[in-house]
C-alpha atoms as a PDB file:
ATOM      1  CA  MET A   1     102.591  87.330 122.347  1.00  0.00           C
ATOM      2  CA  SER A   2     101.013  86.050 119.220  1.00  0.00           C
ATOM      3  CA  LEU A   3     102.249  86.604 115.594  1.00  0.00           C
ATOM      4  CA  PHE A   4      99.382  88.788 114.902  1.00  0.00           C
ATOM      5  CA  ASP A   5      99.775  90.838 118.046  1.00  0.00           C
ATOM      6  CA  GLU A   6     103.512  91.438 117.532  1.00  0.00           C
ATOM      7  CA  LEU A   7     102.734  92.294 113.575  1.00  0.00           C
ATOM      8  CA  ARG A   8     100.228  94.799 114.862  1.00  0.00           C
ATOM      9  CA  GLU A   9     102.737  96.471 117.159  1.00  0.00           C
ATOM     10  CA  LEU A  10     105.006  96.827 114.091  1.00  0.00           C
ATOM     11  CA  GLY A  11     102.141  98.703 112.059  1.00  0.00           C
ATOM     12  CA  VAL A  12     100.941  95.797 110.058  1.00  0.00           C
ATOM     13  CA  ASP A  13      96.856  96.039 109.362  1.00  0.00           C
ATOM     14  CA  ILE A  14      96.170  92.569 110.253  1.00  0.00           C
ATOM     15  CA  ASP A  15      92.469  93.159 110.282  1.00  0.00           C
ATOM     16  CA  GLY A  16      92.671  94.439 106.784  1.00  0.00           C
ATOM     17  CA  GLY A  17      94.730  91.623 105.334  1.00  0.00           C
ATOM     18  CA  LEU A  18      92.363  89.064 107.011  1.00  0.00           C
ATOM     19  CA  LYS A  19      89.426  90.869 105.666  1.00  0.00           C
ATOM     20  CA  ARG A  20      90.780  90.302 102.057  1.00  0.00           C
ATOM     21  CA  LEU A  21      90.974  86.567 102.922  1.00  0.00           C
ATOM     22  CA  ASN A  22      87.519  86.291 104.537  1.00  0.00           C
ATOM     23  CA  ASN A  23      89.117  86.080 107.799  1.00  0.00           C
ATOM     24  CA  ASN A  24      91.056  83.054 107.119  1.00  0.00           C
ATOM     25  CA  GLU A  25      93.951  83.045 109.685  1.00  0.00           C
ATOM     26  CA  ALA A  26      95.381  79.832 108.373  1.00  0.00           C
ATOM     27  CA  LEU A  27      95.727  81.192 104.763  1.00  0.00           C
ATOM     28  CA  TYR A  28      96.928  84.698 106.006  1.00  0.00           C
ATOM     29  CA  THR A  29      99.620  83.016 108.250  1.00  0.00           C
ATOM     30  CA  ARG A  30     100.590  80.824 105.317  1.00  0.00           C
ATOM     31  CA  LEU A  31     100.796  83.841 102.974  1.00  0.00           C
ATOM     32  CA  LEU A  32     102.877  85.674 105.481  1.00  0.00           C
ATOM     33  CA  GLY A  33     105.596  82.746 104.943  1.00  0.00           C
ATOM     34  CA  SER A  34     105.238  83.534 101.252  1.00  0.00           C
ATOM     35  CA  PHE A  35     105.811  87.140 101.811  1.00  0.00           C
ATOM     36  CA  VAL A  36     109.192  86.277 103.477  1.00  0.00           C
ATOM     37  CA  LYS A  37     110.276  84.191 100.593  1.00  0.00           C
ATOM     38  CA  THR A  38     109.082  87.084  98.175  1.00  0.00           C
ATOM     39  CA  MET A  39     111.119  89.545 100.304  1.00  0.00           C
ATOM     40  CA  LYS A  40     114.325  87.480 100.154  1.00  0.00           C
ATOM     41  CA  ALA A  41     114.079  86.801  96.512  1.00  0.00           C
ATOM     42  CA  HIS A  42     113.501  90.390  95.565  1.00  0.00           C
ATOM     43  CA  MET A  43     115.652  92.136  98.092  1.00  0.00           C
ATOM     44  CA  VAL A  44     116.499  95.579  97.169  1.00  0.00           C
ATOM     45  CA  GLN A  45     119.773  97.054  98.800  1.00  0.00           C
ATOM     46  CA  PRO A  46     120.559 100.840  98.837  1.00  0.00           C
ATOM     47  CA  ASP A  47     123.615 100.209  96.662  1.00  0.00           C
ATOM     48  CA  PHE A  48     121.578  99.582  93.650  1.00  0.00           C
ATOM     49  CA  ASP A  49     122.654 100.973  90.461  1.00  0.00           C
ATOM     50  CA  ALA A  50     121.381 104.713  90.090  1.00  0.00           C
ATOM     51  CA  ALA A  51     122.135 104.851  86.544  1.00  0.00           C
ATOM     52  CA  ASP A  52     120.001 101.736  85.651  1.00  0.00           C
ATOM     53  CA  CYS A  53     117.184 101.218  88.070  1.00  0.00           C
ATOM     54  CA  THR A  54     115.152  98.760  86.048  1.00  0.00           C
ATOM     55  CA  GLU A  55     115.910  95.846  88.407  1.00  0.00           C
ATOM     56  CA  ALA A  56     115.268  97.834  91.453  1.00  0.00           C
ATOM     57  CA  ILE A  57     112.028  99.019  89.887  1.00  0.00           C
ATOM     58  CA  GLU A  58     110.884  95.462  89.127  1.00  0.00           C
ATOM     59  CA  HIS A  59     111.872  94.236  92.695  1.00  0.00           C
ATOM     60  CA  THR A  60     110.574  97.250  94.538  1.00  0.00           C
ATOM     61  CA  HIS A  61     107.245  96.734  92.728  1.00  0.00           C
ATOM     62  CA  ALA A  62     106.960  93.051  93.611  1.00  0.00           C
ATOM     63  CA  ILE A  63     107.481  93.822  97.209  1.00  0.00           C
ATOM     64  CA  LYS A  64     104.991  96.744  97.085  1.00  0.00           C
ATOM     65  CA  GLY A  65     102.244  94.320  95.535  1.00  0.00           C
ATOM     66  CA  THR A  66     102.916  91.490  97.961  1.00  0.00           C
ATOM     67  CA  ALA A  67     102.920  93.795 101.125  1.00  0.00           C
ATOM     68  CA  GLY A  68      99.851  95.620  99.854  1.00  0.00           C
ATOM     69  CA  ASN A  69      97.855  92.282  99.438  1.00  0.00           C
ATOM     70  CA  LEU A  70      98.587  91.211 103.016  1.00  0.00           C
ATOM     71  CA  SER A  71      98.100  94.874 104.344  1.00  0.00           C
ATOM     72  CA  ILE A  72     101.788  95.041 105.673  1.00  0.00           C
ATOM     73  CA  THR A  73     101.328  98.674 105.816  1.00  0.00           C
ATOM     74  CA  PRO A  74     105.050 100.061 106.792  1.00  0.00           C
ATOM     75  CA  ILE A  75     106.447  98.160 103.863  1.00  0.00           C
ATOM     76  CA  TYR A  76     103.641  98.837 101.303  1.00  0.00           C
ATOM     77  CA  ASP A  77     103.695 102.542 102.004  1.00  0.00           C
ATOM     78  CA  GLY A  78     107.717 102.837 101.956  1.00  0.00           C
ATOM     79  CA  TYR A  79     108.031 100.678  98.676  1.00  0.00           C
ATOM     80  CA  THR A  80     105.115 102.670  97.229  1.00  0.00           C
ATOM     81  CA  GLU A  81     107.220 105.791  97.651  1.00  0.00           C
ATOM     82  CA  ILE A  82     110.400 104.231  96.688  1.00  0.00           C
ATOM     83  CA  VAL A  83     108.801 103.014  93.367  1.00  0.00           C
ATOM     84  CA  ASN A  84     107.390 106.286  92.643  1.00  0.00           C
ATOM     85  CA  LEU A  85     110.768 107.918  93.373  1.00  0.00           C
ATOM     86  CA  LEU A  86     112.499 105.373  90.989  1.00  0.00           C
ATOM     87  CA  ARG A  87     110.047 105.794  88.394  1.00  0.00           C
ATOM     88  CA  SER A  88     110.316 109.695  88.350  1.00  0.00           C
ATOM     89  CA  GLY A  89     114.263 109.448  88.025  1.00  0.00           C
ATOM     90  CA  GLN A  90     114.984 110.414  91.843  1.00  0.00           C
ATOM     91  CA  PRO A  91     117.219 107.403  92.596  1.00  0.00           C
ATOM     92  CA  GLU A  92     118.964 109.092  95.574  1.00  0.00           C
ATOM     93  CA  GLU A  93     115.849 110.011  97.194  1.00  0.00           C
ATOM     94  CA  ALA A  94     114.594 106.464  96.633  1.00  0.00           C
ATOM     95  CA  ARG A  95     117.922 105.196  98.256  1.00  0.00           C
ATOM     96  CA  ALA A  96     117.382 107.462 101.331  1.00  0.00           C
ATOM     97  CA  ARG A  97     113.656 106.207 101.712  1.00  0.00           C
ATOM     98  CA  LEU A  98     114.735 102.465 101.299  1.00  0.00           C
ATOM     99  CA  THR A  99     117.551 102.965 103.988  1.00  0.00           C
ATOM    100  CA  ASN A 100     114.608 103.928 106.518  1.00  0.00           C
ATOM    101  CA  VAL A 101     112.407 101.175 105.343  1.00  0.00           C
ATOM    102  CA  LEU A 102     115.006  98.440 105.754  1.00  0.00           C
ATOM    103  CA  PRO A 103     115.040  98.388 109.606  1.00  0.00           C
ATOM    104  CA  VAL A 104     111.296  98.086 109.863  1.00  0.00           C
ATOM    105  CA  GLN A 105     111.284  95.293 107.148  1.00  0.00           C
ATOM    106  CA  GLU A 106     113.759  93.503 108.969  1.00  0.00           C
ATOM    107  CA  LYS A 107     111.692  93.668 112.150  1.00  0.00           C
ATOM    108  CA  ILE A 108     108.713  92.366 110.314  1.00  0.00           C
ATOM    109  CA  ILE A 109     110.544  89.644 108.616  1.00  0.00           C
ATOM    110  CA  GLN A 110     112.185  88.375 111.824  1.00  0.00           C
ATOM    111  CA  CYS A 111     108.690  88.282 113.563  1.00  0.00           C
ATOM    112  CA  ILE A 112     107.304  86.204 111.107  1.00  0.00           C
ATOM    113  CA  GLU A 113     110.265  83.863 110.887  1.00  0.00           C
ATOM    114  CA  SER A 114     110.461  83.454 114.699  1.00  0.00           C
ATOM    115  CA  HIS A 115     106.615  82.454 114.781  1.00  0.00           C
ATOM    116  CA  MET A 116     107.049  80.207 111.726  1.00  0.00           C
ATOM    117  CA  ALA A 117     109.975  78.176 112.933  1.00  0.00           C
END
């Protein structure tokens, strides 16, 4: 199965992402590799400091933006909610949502990495 087919099965809007890039599949694929690097550089773990969420908000916002640009919908939707919860002073709710998003996030990252190897 192709990278795009596998990502579609994981809920990624490949067609929307490609449309943003004038259907340039090579560029989209290259940006997926950059997305993985962004995810690793800005990884947010559920044990973030609930008393000072500044760093978690920054990292979550970066992930949300990158995922949104590529139409990686499950991650974009999850991190949008997490950012909103953190900004509204609900770190425990954000932590619970993050715990739900991480398994899907890991599957998407593994899928991209397996096709880029």
